Amino acid sequence: MNRKHARLLTAAVGIAVVGTFAAIALGSPGSGNVITPLVTANLNETVHLNSDRIKFQTKGPTDVRVQQITFAPGSFSGWHHHPGFVIVAVKSGEVTNFDSQCNGTTYGPNSPNGSAFVEYGDEPGEVRNMTSAPATVYVTLVAPDANPPVFRIEDDPPPCA
């Protein structure tokens, strides 16, 4: 490779690295929660099932992660979205899931909205514990296969936040 191409390649890599760090810095990190990964695994085969009125289909290998998240009172996840989808089951306490329009729905074991919800799509969302008690959730993330796996993408807060 000649020097001109080497310099061009070095400049392109430098711009990509700076852009990546800028995107991370401009994101909306969470605060006050403890994330405990329980297992990360791979579904290496395509899955197509339709059983008992439930459908689940993949079009290739996928990454799966199960984690426990404990939200302290007043804590929040930060604005983000997920590749693939996420199923959130609230074990204790209550959390409020906000969509990109800042509409919130509260979930918990005694909530009329139920104790589970799903996150998916490219629009940002944020989960908050707006109570004075801790909340514990179990999260199952299913994402397209990547190396390393990508389960969360940081987003800037929407204009309504």
N, C-alpha and C. Protein backbone atom coordinates (compact mmCIF):
# COMPACT_ATOMS: atom_id res chain seq x y z
N MET A 1 0.87 -1.17 0.00
CA MET A 1 0.00 0.00 0.00
C MET A 1 0.91 1.23 0.00
N ASN A 2 0.60 2.19 -0.86
CA ASN A 2 1.45 3.37 -0.89
C ASN A 2 1.07 4.32 0.23
N ARG A 3 1.91 5.33 0.44
CA ARG A 3 1.72 6.24 1.58
C ARG A 3 0.41 7.02 1.50
N LYS A 4 0.00 7.40 0.29
CA LYS A 4 -1.23 8.16 0.13
C LYS A 4 -2.44 7.33 0.58
N HIS A 5 -2.48 6.07 0.17
CA HIS A 5 -3.57 5.18 0.58
C HIS A 5 -3.51 4.90 2.08
N ALA A 6 -2.31 4.74 2.62
CA ALA A 6 -2.16 4.50 4.06
C ALA A 6 -2.68 5.68 4.87
N ARG A 7 -2.33 6.91 4.42
CA ARG A 7 -2.82 8.10 5.13
C ARG A 7 -4.33 8.22 5.04
N LEU A 8 -4.88 7.92 3.87
CA LEU A 8 -6.33 7.98 3.69
C LEU A 8 -7.03 6.96 4.59
N LEU A 9 -6.48 5.75 4.66
CA LEU A 9 -7.05 4.72 5.51
C LEU A 9 -6.96 5.13 6.98
N THR A 10 -5.82 5.67 7.39
CA THR A 10 -5.65 6.12 8.76
C THR A 10 -6.65 7.23 9.10
N ALA A 11 -6.84 8.17 8.19
CA ALA A 11 -7.79 9.26 8.41
C ALA A 11 -9.21 8.72 8.52
N ALA A 12 -9.58 7.77 7.67
CA ALA A 12 -10.93 7.20 7.71
C ALA A 12 -11.18 6.47 9.02
N VAL A 13 -10.19 5.69 9.47
CA VAL A 13 -10.32 4.97 10.74
C VAL A 13 -10.43 5.98 11.89
N GLY A 14 -9.63 7.02 11.85
CA GLY A 14 -9.68 8.05 12.90
C GLY A 14 -11.03 8.73 12.97
N ILE A 15 -11.60 9.05 11.81
CA ILE A 15 -12.93 9.68 11.78
C ILE A 15 -13.98 8.73 12.34
N ALA A 16 -13.88 7.45 11.99
CA ALA A 16 -14.85 6.46 12.50
C ALA A 16 -14.75 6.33 14.01
N VAL A 17 -13.53 6.31 14.55
CA VAL A 17 -13.35 6.19 16.00
C VAL A 17 -13.90 7.43 16.70
N VAL A 18 -13.57 8.61 16.21
CA VAL A 18 -14.07 9.85 16.81
C VAL A 18 -15.60 9.89 16.74
N GLY A 19 -16.17 9.49 15.60
CA GLY A 19 -17.62 9.46 15.45
C GLY A 19 -18.28 8.51 16.43
N THR A 20 -17.64 7.37 16.65
CA THR A 20 -18.19 6.40 17.61
C THR A 20 -18.19 6.98 19.01
N PHE A 21 -17.07 7.58 19.43
CA PHE A 21 -17.01 8.17 20.77
C PHE A 21 -17.96 9.35 20.91
N ALA A 22 -18.12 10.13 19.85
CA ALA A 22 -19.06 11.25 19.90
C ALA A 22 -20.48 10.74 20.05
N ALA A 23 -20.84 9.68 19.36
CA ALA A 23 -22.19 9.11 19.48
C ALA A 23 -22.43 8.60 20.88
N ILE A 24 -21.42 7.97 21.47
CA ILE A 24 -21.57 7.48 22.84
C ILE A 24 -21.69 8.66 23.80
N ALA A 25 -20.87 9.69 23.61
CA ALA A 25 -20.89 10.84 24.51
C ALA A 25 -22.20 11.60 24.42
N LEU A 26 -22.82 11.64 23.22
CA LEU A 26 -24.06 12.38 23.05
C LEU A 26 -25.29 11.57 23.46
N GLY A 27 -25.11 10.30 23.76
CA GLY A 27 -26.23 9.45 24.15
C GLY A 27 -26.80 9.88 25.49
N SER A 28 -27.70 9.07 25.99
CA SER A 28 -28.40 9.39 27.22
C SER A 28 -28.22 8.25 28.22
N PRO A 29 -27.08 8.19 28.91
CA PRO A 29 -26.84 7.07 29.82
C PRO A 29 -27.80 7.07 30.99
N GLY A 30 -28.04 5.89 31.53
CA GLY A 30 -28.92 5.75 32.68
C GLY A 30 -28.20 6.12 33.97
N SER A 31 -28.97 6.10 35.05
CA SER A 31 -28.41 6.42 36.36
C SER A 31 -29.21 5.71 37.44
N GLY A 32 -28.50 5.15 38.42
CA GLY A 32 -29.15 4.61 39.59
C GLY A 32 -29.67 3.19 39.46
N ASN A 33 -29.23 2.47 38.42
CA ASN A 33 -29.67 1.09 38.31
C ASN A 33 -28.46 0.16 38.25
N VAL A 34 -28.69 -1.07 38.70
CA VAL A 34 -27.63 -2.08 38.71
C VAL A 34 -28.05 -3.18 37.74
N ILE A 35 -27.21 -3.41 36.73
CA ILE A 35 -27.49 -4.42 35.71
C ILE A 35 -26.62 -5.63 35.99
N THR A 36 -27.27 -6.79 36.13
CA THR A 36 -26.57 -8.04 36.36
C THR A 36 -26.84 -9.00 35.21
N PRO A 37 -25.88 -9.18 34.29
CA PRO A 37 -26.09 -10.16 33.22
C PRO A 37 -26.14 -11.57 33.83
N LEU A 38 -27.17 -12.34 33.47
CA LEU A 38 -27.29 -13.70 33.98
C LEU A 38 -26.77 -14.72 32.99
N VAL A 39 -27.05 -14.52 31.71
CA VAL A 39 -26.54 -15.42 30.68
C VAL A 39 -26.63 -14.73 29.32
N THR A 40 -25.62 -14.98 28.48
CA THR A 40 -25.65 -14.57 27.08
C THR A 40 -25.44 -15.83 26.26
N ALA A 41 -26.30 -16.04 25.27
CA ALA A 41 -26.26 -17.27 24.49
C ALA A 41 -26.59 -16.98 23.04
N ASN A 42 -26.44 -18.00 22.20
CA ASN A 42 -26.72 -17.86 20.78
C ASN A 42 -27.79 -18.85 20.36
N LEU A 43 -28.71 -18.38 19.53
CA LEU A 43 -29.60 -19.26 18.78
C LEU A 43 -28.96 -19.36 17.41
N ASN A 44 -28.28 -20.45 17.13
CA ASN A 44 -27.54 -20.56 15.87
C ASN A 44 -28.40 -21.00 14.70
N GLU A 45 -29.59 -21.50 14.99
CA GLU A 45 -30.46 -21.97 13.92
C GLU A 45 -31.61 -20.99 13.72
N THR A 46 -32.14 -20.97 12.51
CA THR A 46 -33.34 -20.21 12.23
C THR A 46 -34.50 -20.85 13.00
N VAL A 47 -35.33 -20.02 13.61
CA VAL A 47 -36.47 -20.52 14.39
C VAL A 47 -37.75 -20.03 13.74
N HIS A 48 -38.69 -20.92 13.59
CA HIS A 48 -40.02 -20.56 13.10
C HIS A 48 -41.01 -21.43 13.87
N LEU A 49 -41.67 -20.82 14.83
CA LEU A 49 -42.65 -21.59 15.58
C LEU A 49 -43.95 -20.82 15.71
N ASN A 50 -45.01 -21.55 15.77
CA ASN A 50 -46.35 -21.00 15.94
C ASN A 50 -47.10 -22.00 16.79
N SER A 51 -47.16 -21.72 18.09
CA SER A 51 -47.72 -22.68 19.02
C SER A 51 -48.58 -21.96 20.05
N ASP A 52 -49.77 -22.47 20.28
CA ASP A 52 -50.66 -21.91 21.31
C ASP A 52 -50.85 -20.40 21.16
N ARG A 53 -51.08 -19.95 19.94
CA ARG A 53 -51.34 -18.54 19.62
C ARG A 53 -50.13 -17.63 19.84
N ILE A 54 -48.94 -18.19 19.87
CA ILE A 54 -47.71 -17.41 20.00
C ILE A 54 -46.82 -17.73 18.82
N LYS A 55 -46.34 -16.65 18.15
CA LYS A 55 -45.42 -16.81 17.02
C LYS A 55 -44.05 -16.26 17.41
N PHE A 56 -43.02 -16.95 16.93
CA PHE A 56 -41.65 -16.47 17.10
C PHE A 56 -40.87 -16.94 15.89
N GLN A 57 -40.19 -16.01 15.23
CA GLN A 57 -39.46 -16.36 14.02
C GLN A 57 -38.17 -15.57 13.94
N THR A 58 -37.11 -16.25 13.54
CA THR A 58 -35.84 -15.58 13.22
C THR A 58 -35.49 -15.93 11.79
N LYS A 59 -34.68 -15.09 11.18
CA LYS A 59 -34.26 -15.33 9.80
C LYS A 59 -32.78 -15.61 9.72
N GLY A 60 -32.21 -15.95 10.86
CA GLY A 60 -30.79 -16.26 10.93
C GLY A 60 -30.38 -16.37 12.38
N PRO A 61 -29.09 -16.54 12.64
CA PRO A 61 -28.61 -16.64 14.02
C PRO A 61 -28.95 -15.39 14.82
N THR A 62 -29.21 -15.57 16.10
CA THR A 62 -29.52 -14.44 16.98
C THR A 62 -28.75 -14.57 18.28
N ASP A 63 -28.57 -13.44 18.93
CA ASP A 63 -27.96 -13.38 20.26
C ASP A 63 -29.07 -13.19 21.28
N VAL A 64 -28.94 -13.87 22.41
CA VAL A 64 -29.95 -13.80 23.47
C VAL A 64 -29.22 -13.49 24.77
N ARG A 65 -29.78 -12.55 25.54
CA ARG A 65 -29.22 -12.24 26.86
C ARG A 65 -30.36 -12.12 27.85
N VAL A 66 -30.13 -12.67 29.04
CA VAL A 66 -31.07 -12.50 30.14
C VAL A 66 -30.31 -11.77 31.24
N GLN A 67 -30.94 -10.72 31.77
CA GLN A 67 -30.29 -9.95 32.84
C GLN A 67 -31.31 -9.48 33.85
N GLN A 68 -30.81 -9.22 35.03
CA GLN A 68 -31.61 -8.63 36.10
C GLN A 68 -31.20 -7.18 36.22
N ILE A 69 -32.19 -6.30 36.33
CA ILE A 69 -31.89 -4.88 36.54
C ILE A 69 -32.64 -4.43 37.78
N THR A 70 -31.91 -3.83 38.70
CA THR A 70 -32.53 -3.25 39.89
C THR A 70 -32.48 -1.74 39.75
N PHE A 71 -33.68 -1.13 39.74
CA PHE A 71 -33.81 0.31 39.63
C PHE A 71 -33.98 0.89 41.04
N ALA A 72 -33.06 1.74 41.45
CA ALA A 72 -33.20 2.45 42.72
C ALA A 72 -34.33 3.47 42.58
N PRO A 73 -34.90 3.91 43.70
CA PRO A 73 -35.93 4.97 43.61
C PRO A 73 -35.39 6.17 42.84
N GLY A 74 -36.18 6.66 41.88
CA GLY A 74 -35.80 7.82 41.10
C GLY A 74 -34.82 7.54 39.96
N SER A 75 -34.42 6.30 39.77
CA SER A 75 -33.44 5.99 38.74
C SER A 75 -34.09 5.86 37.36
N PHE A 76 -33.24 5.81 36.32
CA PHE A 76 -33.76 5.74 34.95
C PHE A 76 -32.74 5.03 34.06
N SER A 77 -33.24 4.49 32.95
CA SER A 77 -32.39 3.71 32.04
C SER A 77 -31.59 4.57 31.08
N GLY A 78 -32.01 5.80 30.85
CA GLY A 78 -31.45 6.61 29.77
C GLY A 78 -32.20 6.29 28.50
N TRP A 79 -32.24 7.24 27.59
CA TRP A 79 -32.96 7.06 26.33
C TRP A 79 -32.15 6.13 25.43
N HIS A 80 -32.82 5.13 24.90
CA HIS A 80 -32.16 4.10 24.12
C HIS A 80 -33.18 3.33 23.28
N HIS A 81 -32.68 2.48 22.40
CA HIS A 81 -33.53 1.49 21.72
C HIS A 81 -32.71 0.22 21.55
N HIS A 82 -33.38 -0.83 21.12
CA HIS A 82 -32.73 -2.13 21.02
C HIS A 82 -32.85 -2.70 19.61
N PRO A 83 -31.77 -3.29 19.10
CA PRO A 83 -31.94 -4.09 17.90
C PRO A 83 -32.75 -5.33 18.30
N GLY A 84 -33.61 -5.80 17.43
CA GLY A 84 -34.44 -6.95 17.81
C GLY A 84 -35.54 -6.51 18.75
N PHE A 85 -35.73 -7.26 19.83
CA PHE A 85 -36.76 -6.91 20.79
C PHE A 85 -36.36 -7.33 22.19
N VAL A 86 -37.10 -6.81 23.17
CA VAL A 86 -36.83 -7.08 24.58
C VAL A 86 -38.17 -7.38 25.26
N ILE A 87 -38.16 -8.41 26.10
CA ILE A 87 -39.31 -8.69 26.96
C ILE A 87 -38.87 -8.37 28.38
N VAL A 88 -39.63 -7.49 29.05
CA VAL A 88 -39.31 -7.05 30.41
C VAL A 88 -40.39 -7.57 31.35
N ALA A 89 -39.98 -8.30 32.38
CA ALA A 89 -40.90 -8.80 33.40
C ALA A 89 -40.54 -8.13 34.72
N VAL A 90 -41.50 -7.42 35.32
CA VAL A 90 -41.26 -6.70 36.56
C VAL A 90 -41.55 -7.64 37.73
N LYS A 91 -40.50 -7.97 38.48
CA LYS A 91 -40.63 -8.89 39.61
C LYS A 91 -41.17 -8.16 40.84
N SER A 92 -40.64 -6.97 41.11
CA SER A 92 -41.08 -6.23 42.30
C SER A 92 -40.99 -4.74 42.03
N GLY A 93 -41.80 -3.97 42.75
CA GLY A 93 -41.83 -2.54 42.55
C GLY A 93 -42.59 -2.17 41.29
N GLU A 94 -42.36 -0.97 40.81
CA GLU A 94 -43.00 -0.48 39.60
C GLU A 94 -41.99 0.30 38.77
N VAL A 95 -42.09 0.17 37.44
CA VAL A 95 -41.32 0.99 36.53
C VAL A 95 -42.28 1.59 35.51
N THR A 96 -41.91 2.75 34.99
CA THR A 96 -42.71 3.41 33.96
C THR A 96 -41.90 3.44 32.68
N ASN A 97 -42.50 2.91 31.61
CA ASN A 97 -41.86 2.85 30.31
C ASN A 97 -42.35 4.04 29.48
N PHE A 98 -41.42 4.91 29.06
CA PHE A 98 -41.74 6.09 28.27
C PHE A 98 -41.38 5.84 26.81
N ASP A 99 -42.31 6.20 25.90
CA ASP A 99 -42.05 6.08 24.47
C ASP A 99 -41.43 7.38 23.95
N SER A 100 -41.17 7.45 22.65
CA SER A 100 -40.49 8.60 22.06
C SER A 100 -41.33 9.87 22.08
N GLN A 101 -42.62 9.75 22.41
CA GLN A 101 -43.50 10.92 22.55
C GLN A 101 -43.66 11.32 24.02
N CYS A 102 -42.88 10.68 24.90
CA CYS A 102 -42.89 10.92 26.35
C CYS A 102 -44.19 10.47 27.01
N ASN A 103 -44.89 9.53 26.39
CA ASN A 103 -46.06 8.91 27.01
C ASN A 103 -45.57 7.77 27.88
N GLY A 104 -45.98 7.76 29.14
CA GLY A 104 -45.51 6.73 30.06
C GLY A 104 -46.61 5.76 30.45
N THR A 105 -46.23 4.49 30.60
CA THR A 105 -47.12 3.45 31.09
C THR A 105 -46.40 2.72 32.21
N THR A 106 -47.07 2.57 33.35
CA THR A 106 -46.46 1.97 34.53
C THR A 106 -46.80 0.49 34.60
N TYR A 107 -45.77 -0.32 34.95
CA TYR A 107 -45.92 -1.77 35.05
C TYR A 107 -45.38 -2.24 36.40
N GLY A 108 -45.98 -3.28 36.92
CA GLY A 108 -45.53 -3.89 38.16
C GLY A 108 -46.49 -4.99 38.55
N PRO A 109 -46.14 -5.79 39.57
CA PRO A 109 -46.98 -6.91 39.97
C PRO A 109 -48.42 -6.53 40.31
N ASN A 110 -48.66 -5.33 40.81
CA ASN A 110 -50.02 -4.92 41.17
C ASN A 110 -50.59 -3.87 40.23
N SER A 111 -49.95 -3.66 39.10
CA SER A 111 -50.39 -2.62 38.16
C SER A 111 -51.54 -3.12 37.29
N PRO A 112 -52.53 -2.27 37.03
CA PRO A 112 -53.60 -2.66 36.10
C PRO A 112 -53.08 -2.86 34.67
N ASN A 113 -51.87 -2.34 34.36
CA ASN A 113 -51.28 -2.52 33.03
C ASN A 113 -50.52 -3.84 32.90
N GLY A 114 -50.42 -4.58 33.99
CA GLY A 114 -49.69 -5.84 33.98
C GLY A 114 -48.28 -5.68 34.50
N SER A 115 -47.56 -6.79 34.52
CA SER A 115 -46.21 -6.76 35.06
C SER A 115 -45.15 -7.09 34.00
N ALA A 116 -45.53 -7.01 32.73
CA ALA A 116 -44.56 -7.26 31.66
C ALA A 116 -44.85 -6.33 30.48
N PHE A 117 -43.79 -6.01 29.75
CA PHE A 117 -43.96 -5.20 28.53
C PHE A 117 -42.85 -5.55 27.55
N VAL A 118 -43.00 -5.08 26.32
CA VAL A 118 -42.06 -5.38 25.25
C VAL A 118 -41.50 -4.06 24.70
N GLU A 119 -40.21 -4.05 24.43
CA GLU A 119 -39.56 -2.91 23.77
C GLU A 119 -39.05 -3.39 22.41
N TYR A 120 -39.28 -2.58 21.36
CA TYR A 120 -38.80 -2.92 20.02
C TYR A 120 -38.84 -1.67 19.15
N GLY A 121 -38.19 -1.73 18.02
CA GLY A 121 -38.20 -0.62 17.07
C GLY A 121 -37.04 0.33 17.25
N ASP A 122 -36.97 1.31 16.35
CA ASP A 122 -35.85 2.25 16.32
C ASP A 122 -36.11 3.55 17.08
N GLU A 123 -37.30 3.72 17.60
CA GLU A 123 -37.62 4.94 18.35
C GLU A 123 -37.05 4.84 19.76
N PRO A 124 -36.54 5.95 20.32
CA PRO A 124 -36.00 5.89 21.67
C PRO A 124 -37.08 5.71 22.73
N GLY A 125 -36.69 5.09 23.81
CA GLY A 125 -37.55 4.93 24.97
C GLY A 125 -36.71 5.02 26.23
N GLU A 126 -37.37 5.17 27.36
CA GLU A 126 -36.68 5.23 28.64
C GLU A 126 -37.55 4.58 29.69
N VAL A 127 -36.92 3.84 30.60
CA VAL A 127 -37.61 3.23 31.72
C VAL A 127 -37.18 3.95 32.99
N ARG A 128 -38.17 4.30 33.82
CA ARG A 128 -37.87 5.04 35.06
C ARG A 128 -38.56 4.39 36.25
N ASN A 129 -37.91 4.48 37.39
CA ASN A 129 -38.56 4.13 38.65
C ASN A 129 -38.96 5.45 39.29
N MET A 130 -40.24 5.75 39.24
CA MET A 130 -40.73 7.03 39.74
C MET A 130 -41.30 6.92 41.15
N THR A 131 -40.95 5.82 41.83
CA THR A 131 -41.48 5.58 43.17
C THR A 131 -40.38 5.75 44.21
N SER A 132 -40.75 5.56 45.46
CA SER A 132 -39.77 5.67 46.55
C SER A 132 -39.25 4.30 46.98
N ALA A 133 -39.57 3.24 46.23
CA ALA A 133 -39.10 1.89 46.54
C ALA A 133 -38.32 1.34 45.35
N PRO A 134 -37.36 0.45 45.60
CA PRO A 134 -36.63 -0.15 44.49
C PRO A 134 -37.56 -1.02 43.63
N ALA A 135 -37.15 -1.24 42.38
CA ALA A 135 -37.88 -2.12 41.47
C ALA A 135 -36.88 -3.08 40.84
N THR A 136 -37.27 -4.33 40.72
CA THR A 136 -36.43 -5.34 40.09
C THR A 136 -37.15 -5.90 38.87
N VAL A 137 -36.42 -5.92 37.74
CA VAL A 137 -36.99 -6.46 36.51
C VAL A 137 -36.04 -7.52 35.96
N TYR A 138 -36.61 -8.46 35.23
CA TYR A 138 -35.84 -9.44 34.47
C TYR A 138 -36.08 -9.16 33.00
N VAL A 139 -35.00 -9.11 32.24
CA VAL A 139 -35.06 -8.69 30.86
C VAL A 139 -34.49 -9.79 29.97
N THR A 140 -35.23 -10.14 28.92
CA THR A 140 -34.74 -11.06 27.91
C THR A 140 -34.60 -10.28 26.61
N LEU A 141 -33.37 -10.17 26.12
CA LEU A 141 -33.06 -9.42 24.91
C LEU A 141 -32.77 -10.41 23.79
N VAL A 142 -33.38 -10.20 22.64
CA VAL A 142 -33.15 -11.04 21.46
C VAL A 142 -32.73 -10.10 20.33
N ALA A 143 -31.52 -10.27 19.83
CA ALA A 143 -30.95 -9.35 18.84
C ALA A 143 -30.31 -10.12 17.69
N PRO A 144 -30.19 -9.48 16.53
CA PRO A 144 -29.48 -10.12 15.43
C PRO A 144 -28.05 -10.47 15.85
N ASP A 145 -27.54 -11.56 15.33
CA ASP A 145 -26.20 -12.02 15.64
C ASP A 145 -25.17 -10.93 15.29
N ALA A 146 -24.29 -10.64 16.22
CA ALA A 146 -23.21 -9.66 16.01
C ALA A 146 -22.03 -10.08 16.87
N ASN A 147 -20.84 -9.67 16.45
CA ASN A 147 -19.65 -10.00 17.23
C ASN A 147 -18.84 -8.73 17.44
N PRO A 148 -18.87 -8.16 18.66
CA PRO A 148 -19.55 -8.64 19.85
C PRO A 148 -21.06 -8.37 19.76
N PRO A 149 -21.84 -9.06 20.60
CA PRO A 149 -23.29 -8.84 20.58
C PRO A 149 -23.66 -7.39 20.89
N VAL A 150 -24.70 -6.89 20.21
CA VAL A 150 -25.20 -5.53 20.45
C VAL A 150 -26.64 -5.65 20.92
N PHE A 151 -26.90 -5.24 22.16
CA PHE A 151 -28.24 -5.34 22.73
C PHE A 151 -28.87 -4.00 23.01
N ARG A 152 -28.10 -2.91 22.96
CA ARG A 152 -28.63 -1.59 23.31
C ARG A 152 -27.91 -0.54 22.49
N ILE A 153 -28.69 0.46 22.03
CA ILE A 153 -28.14 1.59 21.29
C ILE A 153 -28.58 2.86 22.00
N GLU A 154 -27.62 3.68 22.40
CA GLU A 154 -27.91 4.93 23.11
C GLU A 154 -28.57 5.93 22.16
N ASP A 155 -29.51 6.70 22.67
CA ASP A 155 -30.19 7.74 21.91
C ASP A 155 -30.16 9.05 22.68
N ASP A 156 -30.21 10.16 21.92
CA ASP A 156 -30.40 11.45 22.56
C ASP A 156 -31.84 11.53 23.04
N PRO A 157 -32.10 12.27 24.11
CA PRO A 157 -33.49 12.43 24.56
C PRO A 157 -34.34 13.08 23.47
N PRO A 158 -35.58 12.66 23.31
CA PRO A 158 -36.45 13.31 22.33
C PRO A 158 -36.81 14.73 22.78
N PRO A 159 -37.35 15.56 21.88
CA PRO A 159 -37.66 16.95 22.22
C PRO A 159 -38.64 17.08 23.39
N CYS A 160 -39.47 16.07 23.62
CA CYS A 160 -40.47 16.17 24.69
C CYS A 160 -39.87 15.88 26.06
N ALA A 161 -38.64 15.33 26.11
CA ALA A 161 -38.07 14.92 27.40
C ALA A 161 -37.61 16.11 28.23
